[in-house]
Amino acid sequence: LSINGRRANYLEAVKGRFTVSRDNALNMVYLQMNDLKPED
């Protein structure tokens, strides 16, 4: 994820299921993972 959080790159296998985000004020990064599969 870019510094301002506006651009992200994703592995093809997780596109549409995972979402990356950040909160720079809290010095935090997150990865929301939905529809998880055993291969994850």
ModelCIF file with pLDDT and N, C-alpha, C, O atoms, coordinates in Angstrom:
data_MODEL
#
_entry.id   MODEL 
#
_entity.id                         1 
_entity.type                       polymer 
_entity.pdbx_number_of_molecules   1 
#
_entity_poly.entity_id                      1 
_entity_poly.type                           'polypeptide(L)' 
_entity_poly.nstd_linkage                   no 
_entity_poly.nstd_monomer                   no 
_entity_poly.pdbx_seq_one_letter_code       LSINGRRANYLEAVKGRFTVSRDNALNMVYLQMNDLKPED 
_entity_poly.pdbx_seq_one_letter_code_can   LSINGRRANYLEAVKGRFTVSRDNALNMVYLQMNDLKPED 
_entity_poly.pdbx_strand_id                 A 
#
loop_
_entity_poly_seq.entity_id 
_entity_poly_seq.num 
_entity_poly_seq.mon_id 
_entity_poly_seq.hetero 
1 1  LEU n 
1 2  SER n 
1 3  ILE n 
1 4  ASN n 
1 5  GLY n 
1 6  ARG n 
1 7  ARG n 
1 8  ALA n 
1 9  ASN n 
1 10 TYR n 
1 11 LEU n 
1 12 GLU n 
1 13 ALA n 
1 14 VAL n 
1 15 LYS n 
1 16 GLY n 
1 17 ARG n 
1 18 PHE n 
1 19 THR n 
1 20 VAL n 
1 21 SER n 
1 22 ARG n 
1 23 ASP n 
1 24 ASN n 
1 25 ALA n 
1 26 LEU n 
1 27 ASN n 
1 28 MET n 
1 29 VAL n 
1 30 TYR n 
1 31 LEU n 
1 32 GLN n 
1 33 MET n 
1 34 ASN n 
1 35 ASP n 
1 36 LEU n 
1 37 LYS n 
1 38 PRO n 
1 39 GLU n 
1 40 ASP n 
#
_struct_asym.id          A 
_struct_asym.entity_id   1 
#
loop_
_ma_qa_metric.id 
_ma_qa_metric.mode 
_ma_qa_metric.name 
_ma_qa_metric.software_group_id 
_ma_qa_metric.type 
1 global pLDDT . pLDDT 
2 local  pLDDT . pLDDT 
#
_ma_qa_metric_global.metric_id      1 
_ma_qa_metric_global.metric_value   97.65 
_ma_qa_metric_global.model_id       1 
_ma_qa_metric_global.ordinal_id     1 
#
loop_
_ma_qa_metric_local.label_asym_id 
_ma_qa_metric_local.label_comp_id 
_ma_qa_metric_local.label_seq_id 
_ma_qa_metric_local.metric_id 
_ma_qa_metric_local.metric_value 
_ma_qa_metric_local.model_id 
_ma_qa_metric_local.ordinal_id 
A LEU 1  2 98.00 1 1  
A SER 2  2 98.00 1 2  
A ILE 3  2 97.00 1 3  
A ASN 4  2 96.00 1 4  
A GLY 5  2 96.00 1 5  
A ARG 6  2 97.00 1 6  
A ARG 7  2 97.00 1 7  
A ALA 8  2 98.00 1 8  
A ASN 9  2 98.00 1 9  
A TYR 10 2 98.00 1 10 
A LEU 11 2 98.00 1 11 
A GLU 12 2 98.00 1 12 
A ALA 13 2 98.00 1 13 
A VAL 14 2 98.00 1 14 
A LYS 15 2 98.00 1 15 
A GLY 16 2 98.00 1 16 
A ARG 17 2 98.00 1 17 
A PHE 18 2 98.00 1 18 
A THR 19 2 98.00 1 19 
A VAL 20 2 98.00 1 20 
A SER 21 2 98.00 1 21 
A ARG 22 2 98.00 1 22 
A ASP 23 2 98.00 1 23 
A ASN 24 2 96.00 1 24 
A ALA 25 2 96.00 1 25 
A LEU 26 2 97.00 1 26 
A ASN 27 2 97.00 1 27 
A MET 28 2 98.00 1 28 
A VAL 29 2 98.00 1 29 
A TYR 30 2 98.00 1 30 
A LEU 31 2 98.00 1 31 
A GLN 32 2 98.00 1 32 
A MET 33 2 98.00 1 33 
A ASN 34 2 98.00 1 34 
A ASP 35 2 98.00 1 35 
A LEU 36 2 98.00 1 36 
A LYS 37 2 98.00 1 37 
A PRO 38 2 98.00 1 38 
A GLU 39 2 97.00 1 39 
A ASP 40 2 98.00 1 40 
#
loop_
_atom_site.group_PDB 
_atom_site.id 
_atom_site.type_symbol 
_atom_site.label_atom_id 
_atom_site.label_alt_id 
_atom_site.label_comp_id 
_atom_site.label_asym_id 
_atom_site.label_entity_id 
_atom_site.label_seq_id 
_atom_site.pdbx_PDB_ins_code 
_atom_site.Cartn_x 
_atom_site.Cartn_y 
_atom_site.Cartn_z 
_atom_site.occupancy 
_atom_site.B_iso_or_equiv 
_atom_site.pdbx_formal_charge 
_atom_site.auth_seq_id 
_atom_site.auth_comp_id 
_atom_site.auth_asym_id 
_atom_site.auth_atom_id 
_atom_site.pdbx_PDB_model_num 
ATOM 1   N N  . LEU A 1 1  ? 0.835   -1.198  0.000  1.00 98.00 ? 1  LEU A N  1 
ATOM 2   C CA . LEU A 1 1  ? 0.000   0.000   0.000  1.00 98.00 ? 1  LEU A CA 1 
ATOM 3   C C  . LEU A 1 1  ? 0.870   1.249   0.000  1.00 98.00 ? 1  LEU A C  1 
ATOM 4   O O  . LEU A 1 1  ? 1.882   1.315   0.697  1.00 98.00 ? 1  LEU A O  1 
ATOM 5   N N  . SER A 1 2  ? 0.467   2.228   -0.783 1.00 98.00 ? 2  SER A N  1 
ATOM 6   C CA . SER A 1 2  ? 1.207   3.476   -0.856 1.00 98.00 ? 2  SER A CA 1 
ATOM 7   C C  . SER A 1 2  ? 1.126   4.246   0.459  1.00 98.00 ? 2  SER A C  1 
ATOM 8   O O  . SER A 1 2  ? 0.315   3.931   1.330  1.00 98.00 ? 2  SER A O  1 
ATOM 9   N N  . ILE A 1 3  ? 1.970   5.244   0.584  1.00 97.00 ? 3  ILE A N  1 
ATOM 10  C CA . ILE A 1 3  ? 2.040   6.024   1.817  1.00 97.00 ? 3  ILE A CA 1 
ATOM 11  C C  . ILE A 1 3  ? 0.703   6.680   2.155  1.00 97.00 ? 3  ILE A C  1 
ATOM 12  O O  . ILE A 1 3  ? 0.290   6.702   3.315  1.00 97.00 ? 3  ILE A O  1 
ATOM 13  N N  . ASN A 1 4  ? 0.034   7.211   1.139  1.00 96.00 ? 4  ASN A N  1 
ATOM 14  C CA . ASN A 1 4  ? -1.247  7.892   1.411  1.00 96.00 ? 4  ASN A CA 1 
ATOM 15  C C  . ASN A 1 4  ? -2.434  6.937   1.401  1.00 96.00 ? 4  ASN A C  1 
ATOM 16  O O  . ASN A 1 4  ? -3.573  7.357   1.604  1.00 96.00 ? 4  ASN A O  1 
ATOM 17  N N  . GLY A 1 5  ? -2.172  5.662   1.167  1.00 96.00 ? 5  GLY A N  1 
ATOM 18  C CA . GLY A 1 5  ? -3.235  4.669   1.221  1.00 96.00 ? 5  GLY A CA 1 
ATOM 19  C C  . GLY A 1 5  ? -4.143  4.630   0.011  1.00 96.00 ? 5  GLY A C  1 
ATOM 20  O O  . GLY A 1 5  ? -5.165  3.943   0.033  1.00 96.00 ? 5  GLY A O  1 
ATOM 21  N N  . ARG A 1 6  ? -3.794  5.355   -1.051 1.00 97.00 ? 6  ARG A N  1 
ATOM 22  C CA . ARG A 1 6  ? -4.710  5.456   -2.188 1.00 97.00 ? 6  ARG A CA 1 
ATOM 23  C C  . ARG A 1 6  ? -4.427  4.426   -3.279 1.00 97.00 ? 6  ARG A C  1 
ATOM 24  O O  . ARG A 1 6  ? -5.286  4.162   -4.120 1.00 97.00 ? 6  ARG A O  1 
ATOM 25  N N  . ARG A 1 7  ? -3.246  3.853   -3.269 1.00 97.00 ? 7  ARG A N  1 
ATOM 26  C CA . ARG A 1 7  ? -2.918  2.834   -4.276 1.00 97.00 ? 7  ARG A CA 1 
ATOM 27  C C  . ARG A 1 7  ? -2.430  1.569   -3.592 1.00 97.00 ? 7  ARG A C  1 
ATOM 28  O O  . ARG A 1 7  ? -1.657  1.615   -2.634 1.00 97.00 ? 7  ARG A O  1 
ATOM 29  N N  . ALA A 1 8  ? -2.898  0.440   -4.104 1.00 98.00 ? 8  ALA A N  1 
ATOM 30  C CA . ALA A 1 8  ? -2.513  -0.845  -3.533 1.00 98.00 ? 8  ALA A CA 1 
ATOM 31  C C  . ALA A 1 8  ? -2.258  -1.857  -4.638 1.00 98.00 ? 8  ALA A C  1 
ATOM 32  O O  . ALA A 1 8  ? -2.881  -1.819  -5.699 1.00 98.00 ? 8  ALA A O  1 
ATOM 33  N N  . ASN A 1 9  ? -1.348  -2.742  -4.369 1.00 98.00 ? 9  ASN A N  1 
ATOM 34  C CA . ASN A 1 9  ? -1.091  -3.883  -5.242 1.00 98.00 ? 9  ASN A CA 1 
ATOM 35  C C  . ASN A 1 9  ? -1.535  -5.141  -4.511 1.00 98.00 ? 9  ASN A C  1 
ATOM 36  O O  . ASN A 1 9  ? -1.419  -5.233  -3.289 1.00 98.00 ? 9  ASN A O  1 
ATOM 37  N N  . TYR A 1 10 ? -2.046  -6.113  -5.269 1.00 98.00 ? 10 TYR A N  1 
ATOM 38  C CA . TYR A 1 10 ? -2.503  -7.353  -4.671 1.00 98.00 ? 10 TYR A CA 1 
ATOM 39  C C  . TYR A 1 10 ? -2.004  -8.550  -5.469 1.00 98.00 ? 10 TYR A C  1 
ATOM 40  O O  . TYR A 1 10 ? -1.905  -8.506  -6.695 1.00 98.00 ? 10 TYR A O  1 
ATOM 41  N N  . LEU A 1 11 ? -1.698  -9.600  -4.759 1.00 98.00 ? 11 LEU A N  1 
ATOM 42  C CA . LEU A 1 11 ? -1.441  -10.896 -5.378 1.00 98.00 ? 11 LEU A CA 1 
ATOM 43  C C  . LEU A 1 11 ? -2.733  -11.318 -6.082 1.00 98.00 ? 11 LEU A C  1 
ATOM 44  O O  . LEU A 1 11 ? -3.824  -11.159 -5.535 1.00 98.00 ? 11 LEU A O  1 
ATOM 45  N N  . GLU A 1 12 ? -2.605  -11.848 -7.278 1.00 98.00 ? 12 GLU A N  1 
ATOM 46  C CA . GLU A 1 12 ? -3.790  -12.215 -8.057 1.00 98.00 ? 12 GLU A CA 1 
ATOM 47  C C  . GLU A 1 12 ? -4.711  -13.152 -7.289 1.00 98.00 ? 12 GLU A C  1 
ATOM 48  O O  . GLU A 1 12 ? -5.933  -13.052 -7.401 1.00 98.00 ? 12 GLU A O  1 
ATOM 49  N N  . ALA A 1 13 ? -4.142  -14.048 -6.521 1.00 98.00 ? 13 ALA A N  1 
ATOM 50  C CA . ALA A 1 13 ? -4.934  -15.061 -5.813 1.00 98.00 ? 13 ALA A CA 1 
ATOM 51  C C  . ALA A 1 13 ? -5.806  -14.490 -4.698 1.00 98.00 ? 13 ALA A C  1 
ATOM 52  O O  . ALA A 1 13 ? -6.715  -15.168 -4.217 1.00 98.00 ? 13 ALA A O  1 
ATOM 53  N N  . VAL A 1 14 ? -5.539  -13.254 -4.282 1.00 98.00 ? 14 VAL A N  1 
ATOM 54  C CA . VAL A 1 14 ? -6.310  -12.681 -3.169 1.00 98.00 ? 14 VAL A CA 1 
ATOM 55  C C  . VAL A 1 14 ? -7.167  -11.503 -3.599 1.00 98.00 ? 14 VAL A C  1 
ATOM 56  O O  . VAL A 1 14 ? -7.922  -10.957 -2.794 1.00 98.00 ? 14 VAL A O  1 
ATOM 57  N N  . LYS A 1 15 ? -7.057  -11.107 -4.854 1.00 98.00 ? 15 LYS A N  1 
ATOM 58  C CA . LYS A 1 15 ? -7.844  -9.962  -5.325 1.00 98.00 ? 15 LYS A CA 1 
ATOM 59  C C  . LYS A 1 15 ? -9.337  -10.222 -5.131 1.00 98.00 ? 15 LYS A C  1 
ATOM 60  O O  . LYS A 1 15 ? -9.842  -11.302 -5.438 1.00 98.00 ? 15 LYS A O  1 
ATOM 61  N N  . GLY A 1 16 ? -10.020 -9.215  -4.620 1.00 98.00 ? 16 GLY A N  1 
ATOM 62  C CA . GLY A 1 16 ? -11.449 -9.335  -4.367 1.00 98.00 ? 16 GLY A CA 1 
ATOM 63  C C  . GLY A 1 16 ? -11.789 -9.943  -3.029 1.00 98.00 ? 16 GLY A C  1 
ATOM 64  O O  . GLY A 1 16 ? -12.941 -9.891  -2.596 1.00 98.00 ? 16 GLY A O  1 
ATOM 65  N N  . ARG A 1 17 ? -10.796 -10.523 -2.362 1.00 98.00 ? 17 ARG A N  1 
ATOM 66  C CA . ARG A 1 17 ? -11.037 -11.141 -1.042 1.00 98.00 ? 17 ARG A CA 1 
ATOM 67  C C  . ARG A 1 17 ? -10.296 -10.423 0.083  1.00 98.00 ? 17 ARG A C  1 
ATOM 68  O O  . ARG A 1 17 ? -10.801 -10.342 1.203  1.00 98.00 ? 17 ARG A O  1 
ATOM 69  N N  . PHE A 1 18 ? -9.118  -9.907  -0.202 1.00 98.00 ? 18 PHE A N  1 
ATOM 70  C CA . PHE A 1 18 ? -8.297  -9.234  0.808  1.00 98.00 ? 18 PHE A CA 1 
ATOM 71  C C  . PHE A 1 18 ? -8.286  -7.732  0.544  1.00 98.00 ? 18 PHE A C  1 
ATOM 72  O O  . PHE A 1 18 ? -8.331  -7.282  -0.601 1.00 98.00 ? 18 PHE A O  1 
ATOM 73  N N  . THR A 1 19 ? -8.226  -6.969  1.634  1.00 98.00 ? 19 THR A N  1 
ATOM 74  C CA . THR A 1 19 ? -8.131  -5.518  1.527  1.00 98.00 ? 19 THR A CA 1 
ATOM 75  C C  . THR A 1 19 ? -7.085  -5.011  2.509  1.00 98.00 ? 19 THR A C  1 
ATOM 76  O O  . THR A 1 19 ? -7.147  -5.300  3.704  1.00 98.00 ? 19 THR A O  1 
ATOM 77  N N  . VAL A 1 20 ? -6.133  -4.259  1.999  1.00 98.00 ? 20 VAL A N  1 
ATOM 78  C CA . VAL A 1 20 ? -5.100  -3.666  2.847  1.00 98.00 ? 20 VAL A CA 1 
ATOM 79  C C  . VAL A 1 20 ? -5.489  -2.226  3.158  1.00 98.00 ? 20 VAL A C  1 
ATOM 80  O O  . VAL A 1 20 ? -6.064  -1.528  2.323  1.00 98.00 ? 20 VAL A O  1 
ATOM 81  N N  . SER A 1 21 ? -5.168  -1.799  4.368  1.00 98.00 ? 21 SER A N  1 
ATOM 82  C CA . SER A 1 21 ? -5.447  -0.414  4.753  1.00 98.00 ? 21 SER A CA 1 
ATOM 83  C C  . SER A 1 21 ? -4.432  0.018   5.799  1.00 98.00 ? 21 SER A C  1 
ATOM 84  O O  . SER A 1 21 ? -3.675  -0.794  6.331  1.00 98.00 ? 21 SER A O  1 
ATOM 85  N N  . ARG A 1 22 ? -4.437  1.308   6.077  1.00 98.00 ? 22 ARG A N  1 
ATOM 86  C CA . ARG A 1 22 ? -3.484  1.831   7.056  1.00 98.00 ? 22 ARG A CA 1 
ATOM 87  C C  . ARG A 1 22 ? -4.081  3.004   7.788  1.00 98.00 ? 22 ARG A C  1 
ATOM 88  O O  . ARG A 1 22 ? -4.981  3.680   7.292  1.00 98.00 ? 22 ARG A O  1 
ATOM 89  N N  . ASP A 1 23 ? -3.563  3.234   8.981  1.00 98.00 ? 23 ASP A N  1 
ATOM 90  C CA . ASP A 1 23 ? -3.910  4.414   9.765  1.00 98.00 ? 23 ASP A CA 1 
ATOM 91  C C  . ASP A 1 23 ? -2.587  5.012   10.219 1.00 98.00 ? 23 ASP A C  1 
ATOM 92  O O  . ASP A 1 23 ? -2.006  4.578   11.214 1.00 98.00 ? 23 ASP A O  1 
ATOM 93  N N  . ASN A 1 24 ? -2.121  6.003   9.488  1.00 96.00 ? 24 ASN A N  1 
ATOM 94  C CA . ASN A 1 24 ? -0.801  6.568   9.785  1.00 96.00 ? 24 ASN A CA 1 
ATOM 95  C C  . ASN A 1 24 ? -0.769  7.271   11.137 1.00 96.00 ? 24 ASN A C  1 
ATOM 96  O O  . ASN A 1 24 ? 0.277   7.332   11.783 1.00 96.00 ? 24 ASN A O  1 
ATOM 97  N N  . ALA A 1 25 ? -1.894  7.792   11.556 1.00 96.00 ? 25 ALA A N  1 
ATOM 98  C CA . ALA A 1 25 ? -1.933  8.462   12.856 1.00 96.00 ? 25 ALA A CA 1 
ATOM 99  C C  . ALA A 1 25 ? -1.679  7.479   13.998 1.00 96.00 ? 25 ALA A C  1 
ATOM 100 O O  . ALA A 1 25 ? -1.129  7.842   15.038 1.00 96.00 ? 25 ALA A O  1 
ATOM 101 N N  . LEU A 1 26 ? -2.091  6.228   13.785 1.00 97.00 ? 26 LEU A N  1 
ATOM 102 C CA . LEU A 1 26 ? -1.904  5.202   14.808 1.00 97.00 ? 26 LEU A CA 1 
ATOM 103 C C  . LEU A 1 26 ? -0.694  4.318   14.535 1.00 97.00 ? 26 LEU A C  1 
ATOM 104 O O  . LEU A 1 26 ? -0.377  3.420   15.315 1.00 97.00 ? 26 LEU A O  1 
ATOM 105 N N  . ASN A 1 27 ? -0.021  4.584   13.416 1.00 97.00 ? 27 ASN A N  1 
ATOM 106 C CA . ASN A 1 27 ? 1.133   3.754   13.027 1.00 97.00 ? 27 ASN A CA 1 
ATOM 107 C C  . ASN A 1 27 ? 0.732   2.298   12.821 1.00 97.00 ? 27 ASN A C  1 
ATOM 108 O O  . ASN A 1 27 ? 1.449   1.378   13.215 1.00 97.00 ? 27 ASN A O  1 
ATOM 109 N N  . MET A 1 28 ? -0.422  2.109   12.199 1.00 98.00 ? 28 MET A N  1 
ATOM 110 C CA . MET A 1 28 ? -0.989  0.772   12.047 1.00 98.00 ? 28 MET A CA 1 
ATOM 111 C C  . MET A 1 28 ? -1.221  0.428   10.581 1.00 98.00 ? 28 MET A C  1 
ATOM 112 O O  . MET A 1 28 ? -1.469  1.301   9.749  1.00 98.00 ? 28 MET A O  1 
ATOM 113 N N  . VAL A 1 29 ? -1.135  -0.861  10.290 1.00 98.00 ? 29 VAL A N  1 
ATOM 114 C CA . VAL A 1 29 ? -1.473  -1.412  8.979  1.00 98.00 ? 29 VAL A CA 1 
ATOM 115 C C  . VAL A 1 29 ? -2.410  -2.595  9.220  1.00 98.00 ? 29 VAL A C  1 
ATOM 116 O O  . VAL A 1 29 ? -2.278  -3.309  10.214 1.00 98.00 ? 29 VAL A O  1 
ATOM 117 N N  . TYR A 1 30 ? -3.358  -2.793  8.301  1.00 98.00 ? 30 TYR A N  1 
ATOM 118 C CA . TYR A 1 30 ? -4.329  -3.862  8.471  1.00 98.00 ? 30 TYR A CA 1 
ATOM 119 C C  . TYR A 1 30 ? -4.440  -4.684  7.189  1.00 98.00 ? 30 TYR A C  1 
ATOM 120 O O  . TYR A 1 30 ? -4.163  -4.203  6.090  1.00 98.00 ? 30 TYR A O  1 
ATOM 121 N N  . LEU A 1 31 ? -4.847  -5.923  7.363  1.00 98.00 ? 31 LEU A N  1 
ATOM 122 C CA . LEU A 1 31 ? -5.169  -6.763  6.217  1.00 98.00 ? 31 LEU A CA 1 
ATOM 123 C C  . LEU A 1 31 ? -6.476  -7.479  6.547  1.00 98.00 ? 31 LEU A C  1 
ATOM 124 O O  . LEU A 1 31 ? -6.507  -8.390  7.374  1.00 98.00 ? 31 LEU A O  1 
ATOM 125 N N  . GLN A 1 32 ? -7.542  -7.057  5.897  1.00 98.00 ? 32 GLN A N  1 
ATOM 126 C CA . GLN A 1 32 ? -8.829  -7.715  6.045  1.00 98.00 ? 32 GLN A CA 1 
ATOM 127 C C  . GLN A 1 32 ? -8.894  -8.867  5.052  1.00 98.00 ? 32 GLN A C  1 
ATOM 128 O O  . GLN A 1 32 ? -8.751  -8.665  3.846  1.00 98.00 ? 32 GLN A O  1 
ATOM 129 N N  . MET A 1 33 ? -9.110  -10.065 5.558  1.00 98.00 ? 33 MET A N  1 
ATOM 130 C CA . MET A 1 33 ? -9.118  -11.260 4.723  1.00 98.00 ? 33 MET A CA 1 
ATOM 131 C C  . MET A 1 33 ? -10.485 -11.905 4.801  1.00 98.00 ? 33 MET A C  1 
ATOM 132 O O  . MET A 1 33 ? -10.896 -12.369 5.865  1.00 98.00 ? 33 MET A O  1 
ATOM 133 N N  . ASN A 1 34 ? -11.190 -11.939 3.687  1.00 98.00 ? 34 ASN A N  1 
ATOM 134 C CA . ASN A 1 34 ? -12.520 -12.542 3.606  1.00 98.00 ? 34 ASN A CA 1 
ATOM 135 C C  . ASN A 1 34 ? -12.500 -13.759 2.699  1.00 98.00 ? 34 ASN A C  1 
ATOM 136 O O  . ASN A 1 34 ? -11.583 -13.946 1.899  1.00 98.00 ? 34 ASN A O  1 
ATOM 137 N N  . ASP A 1 35 ? -13.530 -14.582 2.840  1.00 98.00 ? 35 ASP A N  1 
ATOM 138 C CA . ASP A 1 35 ? -13.658 -15.784 2.005  1.00 98.00 ? 35 ASP A CA 1 
ATOM 139 C C  . ASP A 1 35 ? -12.348 -16.576 1.996  1.00 98.00 ? 35 ASP A C  1 
ATOM 140 O O  . ASP A 1 35 ? -11.827 -16.929 0.938  1.00 98.00 ? 35 ASP A O  1 
ATOM 141 N N  . LEU A 1 36 ? -11.841 -16.839 3.163  1.00 98.00 ? 36 LEU A N  1 
ATOM 142 C CA . LEU A 1 36 ? -10.549 -17.519 3.280  1.00 98.00 ? 36 LEU A CA 1 
ATOM 143 C C  . LEU A 1 36 ? -10.628 -18.952 2.763  1.00 98.00 ? 36 LEU A C  1 
ATOM 144 O O  . LEU A 1 36 ? -11.656 -19.619 2.874  1.00 98.00 ? 36 LEU A O  1 
ATOM 145 N N  . LYS A 1 37 ? -9.523  -19.399 2.201  1.00 98.00 ? 37 LYS A N  1 
ATOM 146 C CA . LYS A 1 37 ? -9.408  -20.733 1.618  1.00 98.00 ? 37 LYS A CA 1 
ATOM 147 C C  . LYS A 1 37 ? -8.247  -21.469 2.266  1.00 98.00 ? 37 LYS A C  1 
ATOM 148 O O  . LYS A 1 37 ? -7.329  -20.829 2.778  1.00 98.00 ? 37 LYS A O  1 
ATOM 149 N N  . PRO A 1 38 ? -8.263  -22.786 2.257  1.00 98.00 ? 38 PRO A N  1 
ATOM 150 C CA . PRO A 1 38 ? -7.139  -23.535 2.845  1.00 98.00 ? 38 PRO A CA 1 
ATOM 151 C C  . PRO A 1 38 ? -5.792  -23.135 2.261  1.00 98.00 ? 38 PRO A C  1 
ATOM 152 O O  . PRO A 1 38 ? -4.781  -23.177 2.962  1.00 98.00 ? 38 PRO A O  1 
ATOM 153 N N  . GLU A 1 39 ? -5.761  -22.749 0.996  1.00 97.00 ? 39 GLU A N  1 
ATOM 154 C CA . GLU A 1 39 ? -4.497  -22.354 0.372  1.00 97.00 ? 39 GLU A CA 1 
ATOM 155 C C  . GLU A 1 39 ? -3.988  -21.004 0.865  1.00 97.00 ? 39 GLU A C  1 
ATOM 156 O O  . GLU A 1 39 ? -2.880  -20.599 0.512  1.00 97.00 ? 39 GLU A O  1 
ATOM 157 N N  . ASP A 1 40 ? -4.779  -20.303 1.674  1.00 98.00 ? 40 ASP A N  1 
ATOM 158 C CA . ASP A 1 40 ? -4.314  -19.069 2.314  1.00 98.00 ? 40 ASP A CA 1 
ATOM 159 C C  . ASP A 1 40 ? -3.531  -19.351 3.592  1.00 98.00 ? 40 ASP A C  1 
ATOM 160 O O  . ASP A 1 40 ? -3.070  -18.420 4.252  1.00 98.00 ? 40 ASP A O  1 
#
